Amino acid sequence: MAEVKDWRPFVYGGVASITAEFGTFPIDTTKTRLQVQGQKIDQTFSQLRYRGMTDAFVKISKEEGLRALYSGIWPAVLRQATYGTIKFGTYYTLKKLANERGLLTNEDGSERVWSNILCAAAAGAISSAIANPTDVLKVRMQVHGRAHHQGLIGCFSEIYKYEGVRGLWRGVGPTAQRAVVIASVELPVYDFCKLQLMNAFGDHVANHFISSFIASLGSAIASTPIDVIRTRLMNQRPVSMTINGLATAAATPKLYSGSLDCAVQTIRNEGPLALYKGFIPTWVRMGPWNIIFFITYEQLKKH
């Protein structure tokens, strides 16, 4: 029975992540569209089509249909089934191991912040690296909408055909960095707030709600610049051409050679605030996402 219990954090984390993803995905789509626009060195995305989250939501719905807001949902679900399951399961498993070895708590019973951060960072890096291909699929489908790809399989086939396996691992560096930052901020802050509010609210939904909201703000501030870089790198691809009715790929220079080059060029061409494109939808999404996730997770733990 003890062995079964050890697997529960993985299962609960996966189910809660998928539930939260379905509830907030349209906001994520607007965030992705905002992050790729305005790239002066890429004519495809040089124009500022959207003034903000609300404008993006309205225009995408009007021009492409409401279903376009969920373009990329299936790779996102697949991502959460792997990333979410591994991240949260690994995090709480590492915490349990640290506690058994006396590394998690101080003499007064409070949890050590550094121990929480290390567990969260390790869980975030491992899970994001494994799930990177699903993230690439999600970003491509969100950016280009329903008209560009014939679903998940079509998108995967196109990337594999023209870019190979490496295409599925574009942006893995900033993806892992972002996951480490989010996990290092989000999970420890949530656990800390939950513990501090225990006397006032107990282990109930109100506590989970407030702790989730605070955790999401810190996470959005810390991760948005890395998220912009990650999204732009993942969206890079050879320019497709049609010759004699057959699709081919033209070998074109990459826009960015890596994370640092992307950051430098983005700041140089668009200003430092460009690294915070999509901050509002990032925060707006993280709030409900975390609330749905943690409430679902806590409720599953009780059964």
C-alpha atoms as a PDB file:
ATOM      1  CA  MET A   1       0.000   0.000   0.000  1.00  0.00           C
ATOM      2  CA  ALA A   2       2.909   2.337   0.759  1.00  0.00           C
ATOM      3  CA  GLU A   3       4.148   1.830  -2.824  1.00  0.00           C
ATOM      4  CA  VAL A   4       0.794   2.916  -4.249  1.00  0.00           C
ATOM      5  CA  LYS A   5       0.792   6.046  -2.121  1.00  0.00           C
ATOM      6  CA  ASP A   6       4.235   6.971  -3.474  1.00  0.00           C
ATOM      7  CA  TRP A   7       2.729   7.198  -6.982  1.00  0.00           C
ATOM      8  CA  ARG A   8      -0.214   9.331  -5.966  1.00  0.00           C
ATOM      9  CA  PRO A   9       1.550  12.727  -6.271  1.00  0.00           C
ATOM     10  CA  PHE A  10       2.426  11.882  -9.891  1.00  0.00           C
ATOM     11  CA  VAL A  11      -1.152  10.919 -10.803  1.00  0.00           C
ATOM     12  CA  TYR A  12      -2.724  13.820  -8.898  1.00  0.00           C
ATOM     13  CA  GLY A  13      -0.255  16.278 -10.423  1.00  0.00           C
ATOM     14  CA  GLY A  14      -1.057  15.096 -13.934  1.00  0.00           C
ATOM     15  CA  VAL A  15      -4.843  15.170 -13.524  1.00  0.00           C
ATOM     16  CA  ALA A  16      -4.779  18.588 -11.836  1.00  0.00           C
ATOM     17  CA  SER A  17      -2.448  20.016 -14.518  1.00  0.00           C
ATOM     18  CA  ILE A  18      -4.665  18.839 -17.389  1.00  0.00           C
ATOM     19  CA  THR A  19      -7.778  20.234 -15.689  1.00  0.00           C
ATOM     20  CA  ALA A  20      -6.108  23.626 -15.226  1.00  0.00           C
ATOM     21  CA  GLU A  21      -4.835  23.619 -18.840  1.00  0.00           C
ATOM     22  CA  PHE A  22      -8.312  23.187 -20.324  1.00  0.00           C
ATOM     23  CA  GLY A  23      -9.663  25.997 -18.161  1.00  0.00           C
ATOM     24  CA  THR A  24      -7.051  28.601 -19.095  1.00  0.00           C
ATOM     25  CA  PHE A  25      -5.732  27.679 -22.563  1.00  0.00           C
ATOM     26  CA  PRO A  26      -7.345  30.565 -24.545  1.00  0.00           C
ATOM     27  CA  ILE A  27      -5.434  33.031 -22.352  1.00  0.00           C
ATOM     28  CA  ASP A  28      -2.209  31.167 -23.141  1.00  0.00           C
ATOM     29  CA  THR A  29      -2.915  31.474 -26.864  1.00  0.00           C
ATOM     30  CA  THR A  30      -3.238  35.272 -26.602  1.00  0.00           C
ATOM     31  CA  LYS A  31       0.013  35.355 -24.608  1.00  0.00           C
ATOM     32  CA  THR A  32       1.887  33.408 -27.287  1.00  0.00           C
ATOM     33  CA  ARG A  33       0.584  35.642 -30.099  1.00  0.00           C
ATOM     34  CA  LEU A  34       1.636  38.766 -28.176  1.00  0.00           C
ATOM     35  CA  GLN A  35       5.112  37.390 -27.499  1.00  0.00           C
ATOM     36  CA  VAL A  36       6.003  36.669 -31.125  1.00  0.00           C
ATOM     37  CA  GLN A  37       4.700  39.910 -32.651  1.00  0.00           C
ATOM     38  CA  GLY A  38       6.883  42.958 -33.255  1.00  0.00           C
ATOM     39  CA  GLN A  39      10.087  41.101 -34.226  1.00  0.00           C
ATOM     40  CA  LYS A  40      11.696  43.648 -36.553  1.00  0.00           C
ATOM     41  CA  ILE A  41      14.134  41.100 -37.988  1.00  0.00           C
ATOM     42  CA  ASP A  42      11.314  38.723 -38.957  1.00  0.00           C
ATOM     43  CA  GLN A  43       8.918  40.145 -41.554  1.00  0.00           C
ATOM     44  CA  THR A  44       6.314  37.480 -40.790  1.00  0.00           C
ATOM     45  CA  PHE A  45       5.817  38.790 -37.258  1.00  0.00           C
ATOM     46  CA  SER A  46       7.055  42.386 -37.596  1.00  0.00           C
ATOM     47  CA  GLN A  47       3.606  43.956 -37.333  1.00  0.00           C
ATOM     48  CA  LEU A  48       1.911  44.626 -34.008  1.00  0.00           C
ATOM     49  CA  ARG A  49      -1.421  42.985 -34.779  1.00  0.00           C
ATOM     50  CA  TYR A  50      -2.723  43.004 -31.212  1.00  0.00           C
ATOM     51  CA  ARG A  51      -2.808  45.884 -28.720  1.00  0.00           C
ATOM     52  CA  GLY A  52      -3.125  43.604 -25.721  1.00  0.00           C
ATOM     53  CA  MET A  53      -4.695  40.462 -24.322  1.00  0.00           C
ATOM     54  CA  THR A  54      -8.318  41.526 -24.798  1.00  0.00           C
ATOM     55  CA  ASP A  55      -7.703  42.793 -28.331  1.00  0.00           C
ATOM     56  CA  ALA A  56      -5.939  39.531 -29.224  1.00  0.00           C
ATOM     57  CA  PHE A  57      -8.799  37.498 -27.794  1.00  0.00           C
ATOM     58  CA  VAL A  58     -11.396  39.461 -29.788  1.00  0.00           C
ATOM     59  CA  LYS A  59      -9.450  39.478 -33.080  1.00  0.00           C
ATOM     60  CA  ILE A  60      -8.543  35.794 -32.975  1.00  0.00           C
ATOM     61  CA  SER A  61     -12.177  34.898 -32.226  1.00  0.00           C
ATOM     62  CA  LYS A  62     -13.519  37.153 -34.968  1.00  0.00           C
ATOM     63  CA  GLU A  63     -10.952  36.395 -37.696  1.00  0.00           C
ATOM     64  CA  GLU A  64     -10.230  32.718 -37.028  1.00  0.00           C
ATOM     65  CA  GLY A  65     -13.147  31.531 -34.929  1.00  0.00           C
ATOM     66  CA  LEU A  66     -13.418  30.590 -31.269  1.00  0.00           C
ATOM     67  CA  ARG A  67     -11.840  27.188 -31.922  1.00  0.00           C
ATOM     68  CA  ALA A  68      -8.598  28.950 -32.877  1.00  0.00           C
ATOM     69  CA  LEU A  69      -8.184  29.922 -29.227  1.00  0.00           C
ATOM     70  CA  TYR A  70      -7.826  26.212 -28.507  1.00  0.00           C
ATOM     71  CA  SER A  71      -5.421  25.545 -31.380  1.00  0.00           C
ATOM     72  CA  GLY A  72      -2.624  23.539 -29.778  1.00  0.00           C
ATOM     73  CA  ILE A  73      -4.691  22.234 -26.877  1.00  0.00           C
ATOM     74  CA  TRP A  74      -3.867  18.569 -27.514  1.00  0.00           C
ATOM     75  CA  PRO A  75      -0.080  18.950 -27.405  1.00  0.00           C
ATOM     76  CA  ALA A  76      -0.684  21.109 -24.331  1.00  0.00           C
ATOM     77  CA  VAL A  77      -2.663  18.296 -22.700  1.00  0.00           C
ATOM     78  CA  LEU A  78       0.028  15.820 -23.711  1.00  0.00           C
ATOM     79  CA  ARG A  79       2.611  18.180 -22.243  1.00  0.00           C
ATOM     80  CA  GLN A  80       0.785  18.408 -18.937  1.00  0.00           C
ATOM     81  CA  ALA A  81       0.342  14.635 -18.845  1.00  0.00           C
ATOM     82  CA  THR A  82       4.139  14.352 -18.932  1.00  0.00           C
ATOM     83  CA  TYR A  83       5.486  17.657 -17.595  1.00  0.00           C
ATOM     84  CA  GLY A  84       2.817  18.204 -14.943  1.00  0.00           C
ATOM     85  CA  THR A  85       2.856  14.608 -13.789  1.00  0.00           C
ATOM     86  CA  ILE A  86       6.640  14.403 -13.515  1.00  0.00           C
ATOM     87  CA  LYS A  87       7.162  17.907 -12.065  1.00  0.00           C
ATOM     88  CA  PHE A  88       4.722  17.782  -9.196  1.00  0.00           C
ATOM     89  CA  GLY A  89       5.247  14.122  -8.483  1.00  0.00           C
ATOM     90  CA  THR A  90       9.029  14.546  -8.411  1.00  0.00           C
ATOM     91  CA  TYR A  91       8.781  17.698  -6.294  1.00  0.00           C
ATOM     92  CA  TYR A  92       6.753  16.119  -3.517  1.00  0.00           C
ATOM     93  CA  THR A  93       8.755  12.883  -3.722  1.00  0.00           C
ATOM     94  CA  LEU A  94      12.027  14.825  -3.314  1.00  0.00           C
ATOM     95  CA  LYS A  95      10.525  16.725  -0.390  1.00  0.00           C
ATOM     96  CA  LYS A  96       9.580  13.448   1.238  1.00  0.00           C
ATOM     97  CA  LEU A  97      13.117  12.089   0.762  1.00  0.00           C
ATOM     98  CA  ALA A  98      14.622  15.310   2.110  1.00  0.00           C
ATOM     99  CA  ASN A  99      12.339  15.126   5.140  1.00  0.00           C
ATOM    100  CA  GLU A 100      13.342  11.524   5.830  1.00  0.00           C
ATOM    101  CA  ARG A 101      16.986  12.612   5.860  1.00  0.00           C
ATOM    102  CA  GLY A 102      16.346  15.604   8.094  1.00  0.00           C
ATOM    103  CA  LEU A 103      17.110  18.143   5.350  1.00  0.00           C
ATOM    104  CA  LEU A 104      13.649  19.634   4.918  1.00  0.00           C
ATOM    105  CA  THR A 105      12.732  21.145   8.284  1.00  0.00           C
ATOM    106  CA  ASN A 106      14.407  23.326  10.884  1.00  0.00           C
ATOM    107  CA  GLU A 107      14.468  22.518  14.593  1.00  0.00           C
ATOM    108  CA  ASP A 108      11.284  24.516  15.134  1.00  0.00           C
ATOM    109  CA  GLY A 109       9.461  22.416  12.531  1.00  0.00           C
ATOM    110  CA  SER A 110       9.385  25.057   9.780  1.00  0.00           C
ATOM    111  CA  GLU A 111      10.503  24.074   6.285  1.00  0.00           C
ATOM    112  CA  ARG A 112      13.866  25.285   4.979  1.00  0.00           C
ATOM    113  CA  VAL A 113      13.401  27.616   1.997  1.00  0.00           C
ATOM    114  CA  TRP A 114      16.578  26.462   0.238  1.00  0.00           C
ATOM    115  CA  SER A 115      15.499  22.834   0.483  1.00  0.00           C
ATOM    116  CA  ASN A 116      12.128  23.635  -1.092  1.00  0.00           C
ATOM    117  CA  ILE A 117      13.800  25.613  -3.894  1.00  0.00           C
ATOM    118  CA  LEU A 118      16.290  22.841  -4.713  1.00  0.00           C
ATOM    119  CA  CYS A 119      13.519  20.229  -4.870  1.00  0.00           C
ATOM    120  CA  ALA A 120      11.388  22.473  -7.077  1.00  0.00           C
ATOM    121  CA  ALA A 121      14.259  23.437  -9.394  1.00  0.00           C
ATOM    122  CA  ALA A 122      15.300  19.807  -9.919  1.00  0.00           C
ATOM    123  CA  ALA A 123      11.706  18.755 -10.608  1.00  0.00           C
ATOM    124  CA  GLY A 124      11.177  21.634 -13.054  1.00  0.00           C
ATOM    125  CA  ALA A 125      14.369  21.032 -15.049  1.00  0.00           C
ATOM    126  CA  ILE A 126      13.829  17.269 -15.389  1.00  0.00           C
ATOM    127  CA  SER A 127      10.174  17.470 -16.391  1.00  0.00           C
ATOM    128  CA  SER A 128      10.511  20.360 -18.872  1.00  0.00           C
ATOM    129  CA  ALA A 129      13.433  18.739 -20.695  1.00  0.00           C
ATOM    130  CA  ILE A 130      11.446  15.538 -21.171  1.00  0.00           C
ATOM    131  CA  ALA A 131       8.297  17.344 -22.320  1.00  0.00           C
ATOM    132  CA  ASN A 132       9.972  19.918 -24.649  1.00  0.00           C
ATOM    133  CA  PRO A 133       8.673  18.420 -27.958  1.00  0.00           C
ATOM    134  CA  THR A 134       5.073  18.861 -26.830  1.00  0.00           C
ATOM    135  CA  ASP A 135       5.839  22.478 -25.966  1.00  0.00           C
ATOM    136  CA  VAL A 136       7.224  23.126 -29.459  1.00  0.00           C
ATOM    137  CA  LEU A 137       4.096  21.607 -31.015  1.00  0.00           C
ATOM    138  CA  LYS A 138       1.874  23.741 -28.793  1.00  0.00           C
ATOM    139  CA  VAL A 139       3.643  27.007 -29.631  1.00  0.00           C
ATOM    140  CA  ARG A 140       3.668  26.342 -33.401  1.00  0.00           C
ATOM    141  CA  MET A 141      -0.033  25.517 -33.461  1.00  0.00           C
ATOM    142  CA  GLN A 142      -0.938  28.533 -31.314  1.00  0.00           C
ATOM    143  CA  VAL A 143       1.047  30.982 -33.432  1.00  0.00           C
ATOM    144  CA  HIS A 144      -0.145  29.789 -36.826  1.00  0.00           C
ATOM    145  CA  GLY A 145      -3.714  28.931 -35.870  1.00  0.00           C
ATOM    146  CA  ARG A 146      -5.980  26.205 -37.148  1.00  0.00           C
ATOM    147  CA  ALA A 147      -5.447  26.986 -40.828  1.00  0.00           C
ATOM    148  CA  HIS A 148      -1.717  26.150 -40.835  1.00  0.00           C
ATOM    149  CA  HIS A 149      -1.602  22.616 -39.443  1.00  0.00           C
ATOM    150  CA  GLN A 150      -3.743  19.532 -39.831  1.00  0.00           C
ATOM    151  CA  GLY A 151      -3.853  18.911 -36.104  1.00  0.00           C
ATOM    152  CA  LEU A 152      -1.273  17.454 -33.772  1.00  0.00           C
ATOM    153  CA  ILE A 153      -0.044  14.707 -36.137  1.00  0.00           C
ATOM    154  CA  GLY A 154       0.263  17.114 -39.072  1.00  0.00           C
ATOM    155  CA  CYS A 155       2.279  19.590 -37.054  1.00  0.00           C
ATOM    156  CA  PHE A 156       4.562  16.860 -35.729  1.00  0.00           C
ATOM    157  CA  SER A 157       5.111  15.433 -39.226  1.00  0.00           C
ATOM    158  CA  GLU A 158       5.983  18.831 -40.665  1.00  0.00           C
ATOM    159  CA  ILE A 159       8.543  19.615 -37.975  1.00  0.00           C
ATOM    160  CA  TYR A 160      10.112  16.159 -38.176  1.00  0.00           C
ATOM    161  CA  LYS A 161      10.229  16.224 -41.996  1.00  0.00           C
ATOM    162  CA  TYR A 162      11.838  19.643 -42.413  1.00  0.00           C
ATOM    163  CA  GLU A 163      13.746  20.108 -39.149  1.00  0.00           C
ATOM    164  CA  GLY A 164      14.411  16.609 -37.870  1.00  0.00           C
ATOM    165  CA  VAL A 165      14.477  15.543 -34.237  1.00  0.00           C
ATOM    166  CA  ARG A 166      16.386  18.717 -33.316  1.00  0.00           C
ATOM    167  CA  GLY A 167      13.375  20.759 -34.390  1.00  0.00           C
ATOM    168  CA  LEU A 168      11.350  19.159 -31.613  1.00  0.00           C
ATOM    169  CA  TRP A 169      13.942  20.299 -29.083  1.00  0.00           C
ATOM    170  CA  ARG A 170      14.138  23.951 -30.127  1.00  0.00           C
ATOM    171  CA  GLY A 171      14.292  26.235 -27.120  1.00  0.00           C
ATOM    172  CA  VAL A 172      15.001  23.406 -24.660  1.00  0.00           C
ATOM    173  CA  GLY A 173      17.559  25.602 -22.872  1.00  0.00           C
ATOM    174  CA  PRO A 174      15.241  28.512 -21.978  1.00  0.00           C
ATOM    175  CA  THR A 175      12.398  26.034 -21.472  1.00  0.00           C
ATOM    176  CA  ALA A 176      14.384  24.293 -18.733  1.00  0.00           C
ATOM    177  CA  GLN A 177      15.501  27.664 -17.326  1.00  0.00           C
ATOM    178  CA  ARG A 178      11.916  28.912 -17.265  1.00  0.00           C
ATOM    179  CA  ALA A 179      10.728  25.729 -15.591  1.00  0.00           C
ATOM    180  CA  VAL A 180      13.436  26.048 -12.938  1.00  0.00           C
ATOM    181  CA  VAL A 181      12.479  29.689 -12.270  1.00  0.00           C
ATOM    182  CA  ILE A 182       8.743  28.959 -12.120  1.00  0.00           C
ATOM    183  CA  ALA A 183       9.144  25.869  -9.981  1.00  0.00           C
ATOM    184  CA  SER A 184      11.659  27.591  -7.705  1.00  0.00           C
ATOM    185  CA  VAL A 185       9.268  30.488  -7.110  1.00  0.00           C
ATOM    186  CA  GLU A 186       5.794  28.991  -7.485  1.00  0.00           C
ATOM    187  CA  LEU A 187       5.882  25.797  -5.446  1.00  0.00           C
ATOM    188  CA  PRO A 188       7.911  27.060  -2.457  1.00  0.00           C
ATOM    189  CA  VAL A 189       5.869  30.306  -2.289  1.00  0.00           C
ATOM    190  CA  TYR A 190       2.634  28.319  -2.417  1.00  0.00           C
ATOM    191  CA  ASP A 191       3.774  25.955   0.332  1.00  0.00           C
ATOM    192  CA  PHE A 192       5.076  28.862   2.434  1.00  0.00           C
ATOM    193  CA  CYS A 193       1.862  30.901   2.095  1.00  0.00           C
ATOM    194  CA  LYS A 194      -0.282  27.868   2.748  1.00  0.00           C
ATOM    195  CA  LEU A 195       1.643  27.132   5.944  1.00  0.00           C
ATOM    196  CA  GLN A 196       1.468  30.760   7.129  1.00  0.00           C
ATOM    197  CA  LEU A 197      -2.274  30.963   6.476  1.00  0.00           C
ATOM    198  CA  MET A 198      -3.061  27.629   8.108  1.00  0.00           C
ATOM    199  CA  ASN A 199      -4.048  29.187  11.439  1.00  0.00           C
ATOM    200  CA  ALA A 200      -6.371  31.713   9.795  1.00  0.00           C
ATOM    201  CA  PHE A 201      -8.026  29.534   7.120  1.00  0.00           C
ATOM    202  CA  GLY A 202      -7.032  25.960   7.880  1.00  0.00           C
ATOM    203  CA  ASP A 203      -6.385  23.467   5.100  1.00  0.00           C
ATOM    204  CA  HIS A 204      -9.379  24.613   3.055  1.00  0.00           C
ATOM    205  CA  VAL A 205     -10.176  26.103  -0.367  1.00  0.00           C
ATOM    206  CA  ALA A 206      -9.790  29.713   0.851  1.00  0.00           C
ATOM    207  CA  ASN A 207      -6.214  29.010   1.897  1.00  0.00           C
ATOM    208  CA  HIS A 208      -5.442  27.264  -1.409  1.00  0.00           C
ATOM    209  CA  PHE A 209      -6.997  30.179  -3.369  1.00  0.00           C
ATOM    210  CA  ILE A 210      -5.004  32.956  -1.673  1.00  0.00           C
ATOM    211  CA  SER A 211      -1.740  30.989  -1.702  1.00  0.00           C
ATOM    212  CA  SER A 212      -2.185  30.225  -5.413  1.00  0.00           C
ATOM    213  CA  PHE A 213      -2.805  33.876  -6.296  1.00  0.00           C
ATOM    214  CA  ILE A 214       0.329  35.072  -4.464  1.00  0.00           C
ATOM    215  CA  ALA A 215       2.454  32.303  -5.990  1.00  0.00           C
ATOM    216  CA  SER A 216       1.285  33.156  -9.518  1.00  0.00           C
ATOM    217  CA  LEU A 217       2.293  36.837  -9.265  1.00  0.00           C
ATOM    218  CA  GLY A 218       5.839  36.026  -8.214  1.00  0.00           C
ATOM    219  CA  SER A 219       6.092  33.366 -10.883  1.00  0.00           C
ATOM    220  CA  ALA A 220       4.891  35.686 -13.675  1.00  0.00           C
ATOM    221  CA  ILE A 221       7.351  38.443 -12.750  1.00  0.00           C
ATOM    222  CA  ALA A 222      10.287  36.041 -12.635  1.00  0.00           C
ATOM    223  CA  SER A 223       9.524  33.950 -15.720  1.00  0.00           C
ATOM    224  CA  THR A 224       8.066  36.237 -18.426  1.00  0.00           C
ATOM    225  CA  PRO A 225      11.412  37.388 -19.958  1.00  0.00           C
ATOM    226  CA  ILE A 226      12.572  33.780 -20.297  1.00  0.00           C
ATOM    227  CA  ASP A 227       9.160  32.817 -21.658  1.00  0.00           C
ATOM    228  CA  VAL A 228       9.385  35.429 -24.435  1.00  0.00           C
ATOM    229  CA  ILE A 229      12.816  34.094 -25.469  1.00  0.00           C
ATOM    230  CA  ARG A 230      11.599  30.494 -25.292  1.00  0.00           C
ATOM    231  CA  THR A 231       8.522  31.193 -27.423  1.00  0.00           C
ATOM    232  CA  ARG A 232      10.497  33.008 -30.112  1.00  0.00           C
ATOM    233  CA  LEU A 233      13.112  30.264 -30.336  1.00  0.00           C
ATOM    234  CA  MET A 234      10.471  27.548 -30.552  1.00  0.00           C
ATOM    235  CA  ASN A 235       8.649  29.388 -33.316  1.00  0.00           C
ATOM    236  CA  GLN A 236      11.769  29.547 -35.522  1.00  0.00           C
ATOM    237  CA  ARG A 237      11.592  27.244 -38.507  1.00  0.00           C
ATOM    238  CA  PRO A 238      12.810  26.964 -42.120  1.00  0.00           C
ATOM    239  CA  VAL A 239      10.647  28.948 -44.525  1.00  0.00           C
ATOM    240  CA  SER A 240       8.472  26.506 -46.464  1.00  0.00           C
ATOM    241  CA  MET A 241       8.229  26.765 -50.234  1.00  0.00           C
ATOM    242  CA  THR A 242       6.137  25.019 -52.878  1.00  0.00           C
ATOM    243  CA  ILE A 243       7.860  23.772 -56.038  1.00  0.00           C
ATOM    244  CA  ASN A 244       5.873  21.836 -58.660  1.00  0.00           C
ATOM    245  CA  GLY A 245       3.116  21.367 -56.126  1.00  0.00           C
ATOM    246  CA  LEU A 246       5.446  19.799 -53.573  1.00  0.00           C
ATOM    247  CA  ALA A 247       6.258  21.396 -50.235  1.00  0.00           C
ATOM    248  CA  THR A 248       9.966  21.861 -49.576  1.00  0.00           C
ATOM    249  CA  ALA A 249      12.023  23.730 -47.023  1.00  0.00           C
ATOM    250  CA  ALA A 250      14.348  26.549 -47.966  1.00  0.00           C
ATOM    251  CA  ALA A 251      17.536  26.754 -45.955  1.00  0.00           C
ATOM    252  CA  THR A 252      17.355  30.187 -44.393  1.00  0.00           C
ATOM    253  CA  PRO A 253      19.561  31.661 -41.674  1.00  0.00           C
ATOM    254  CA  LYS A 254      18.202  31.361 -38.168  1.00  0.00           C
ATOM    255  CA  LEU A 255      16.869  34.516 -36.642  1.00  0.00           C
ATOM    256  CA  TYR A 256      18.485  33.773 -33.302  1.00  0.00           C
ATOM    257  CA  SER A 257      21.477  31.571 -32.574  1.00  0.00           C
ATOM    258  CA  GLY A 258      20.469  30.948 -28.980  1.00  0.00           C
ATOM    259  CA  SER A 259      18.905  32.311 -25.808  1.00  0.00           C
ATOM    260  CA  LEU A 260      21.450  35.097 -25.253  1.00  0.00           C
ATOM    261  CA  ASP A 261      21.354  36.203 -28.892  1.00  0.00           C
ATOM    262  CA  CYS A 262      17.545  36.277 -28.781  1.00  0.00           C
ATOM    263  CA  ALA A 263      17.570  38.402 -25.612  1.00  0.00           C
ATOM    264  CA  VAL A 264      20.166  40.832 -27.020  1.00  0.00           C
ATOM    265  CA  GLN A 265      18.413  41.253 -30.379  1.00  0.00           C
ATOM    266  CA  THR A 266      15.003  41.621 -28.762  1.00  0.00           C
ATOM    267  CA  ILE A 267      16.246  44.386 -26.444  1.00  0.00           C
ATOM    268  CA  ARG A 268      18.239  46.083 -29.219  1.00  0.00           C
ATOM    269  CA  ASN A 269      15.382  46.108 -31.740  1.00  0.00           C
ATOM    270  CA  GLU A 270      12.325  46.453 -29.498  1.00  0.00           C
ATOM    271  CA  GLY A 271      13.561  47.770 -26.160  1.00  0.00           C
ATOM    272  CA  PRO A 272      13.868  46.047 -22.747  1.00  0.00           C
ATOM    273  CA  LEU A 273      10.113  46.071 -22.144  1.00  0.00           C
ATOM    274  CA  ALA A 274       9.734  43.660 -25.078  1.00  0.00           C
ATOM    275  CA  LEU A 275      10.931  40.919 -22.727  1.00  0.00           C
ATOM    276  CA  TYR A 276       7.691  41.451 -20.816  1.00  0.00           C
ATOM    277  CA  LYS A 277       5.385  41.074 -23.807  1.00  0.00           C
ATOM    278  CA  GLY A 278       2.463  38.948 -22.762  1.00  0.00           C
ATOM    279  CA  PHE A 279       2.984  39.634 -19.038  1.00  0.00           C
ATOM    280  CA  ILE A 280      -0.676  40.423 -18.381  1.00  0.00           C
ATOM    281  CA  PRO A 281      -2.057  37.215 -19.959  1.00  0.00           C
ATOM    282  CA  THR A 282       0.790  35.302 -18.303  1.00  0.00           C
ATOM    283  CA  TRP A 283      -0.285  36.542 -14.879  1.00  0.00           C
ATOM    284  CA  VAL A 284      -4.002  36.416 -15.659  1.00  0.00           C
ATOM    285  CA  ARG A 285      -3.562  32.800 -16.763  1.00  0.00           C
ATOM    286  CA  MET A 286      -1.240  31.753 -13.961  1.00  0.00           C
ATOM    287  CA  GLY A 287      -3.703  32.905 -11.317  1.00  0.00           C
ATOM    288  CA  PRO A 288      -6.654  30.739 -12.434  1.00  0.00           C
ATOM    289  CA  TRP A 289      -4.291  27.946 -13.561  1.00  0.00           C
ATOM    290  CA  ASN A 290      -2.676  27.686 -10.152  1.00  0.00           C
ATOM    291  CA  ILE A 291      -5.987  28.050  -8.360  1.00  0.00           C
ATOM    292  CA  ILE A 292      -7.597  25.283 -10.449  1.00  0.00           C
ATOM    293  CA  PHE A 293      -4.495  23.115 -10.144  1.00  0.00           C
ATOM    294  CA  PHE A 294      -3.898  23.399  -6.419  1.00  0.00           C
ATOM    295  CA  ILE A 295      -7.575  23.132  -5.470  1.00  0.00           C
ATOM    296  CA  THR A 296      -7.933  20.048  -7.707  1.00  0.00           C
ATOM    297  CA  TYR A 297      -4.707  18.616  -6.302  1.00  0.00           C
ATOM    298  CA  GLU A 298      -5.712  19.208  -2.693  1.00  0.00           C
ATOM    299  CA  GLN A 299      -9.152  17.701  -3.246  1.00  0.00           C
ATOM    300  CA  LEU A 300      -7.661  14.601  -4.906  1.00  0.00           C
ATOM    301  CA  LYS A 301      -5.321  14.162  -1.957  1.00  0.00           C
ATOM    302  CA  LYS A 302      -8.313  13.870   0.363  1.00  0.00           C
ATOM    303  CA  HIS A 303      -9.762  10.889  -1.536  1.00  0.00           C
END
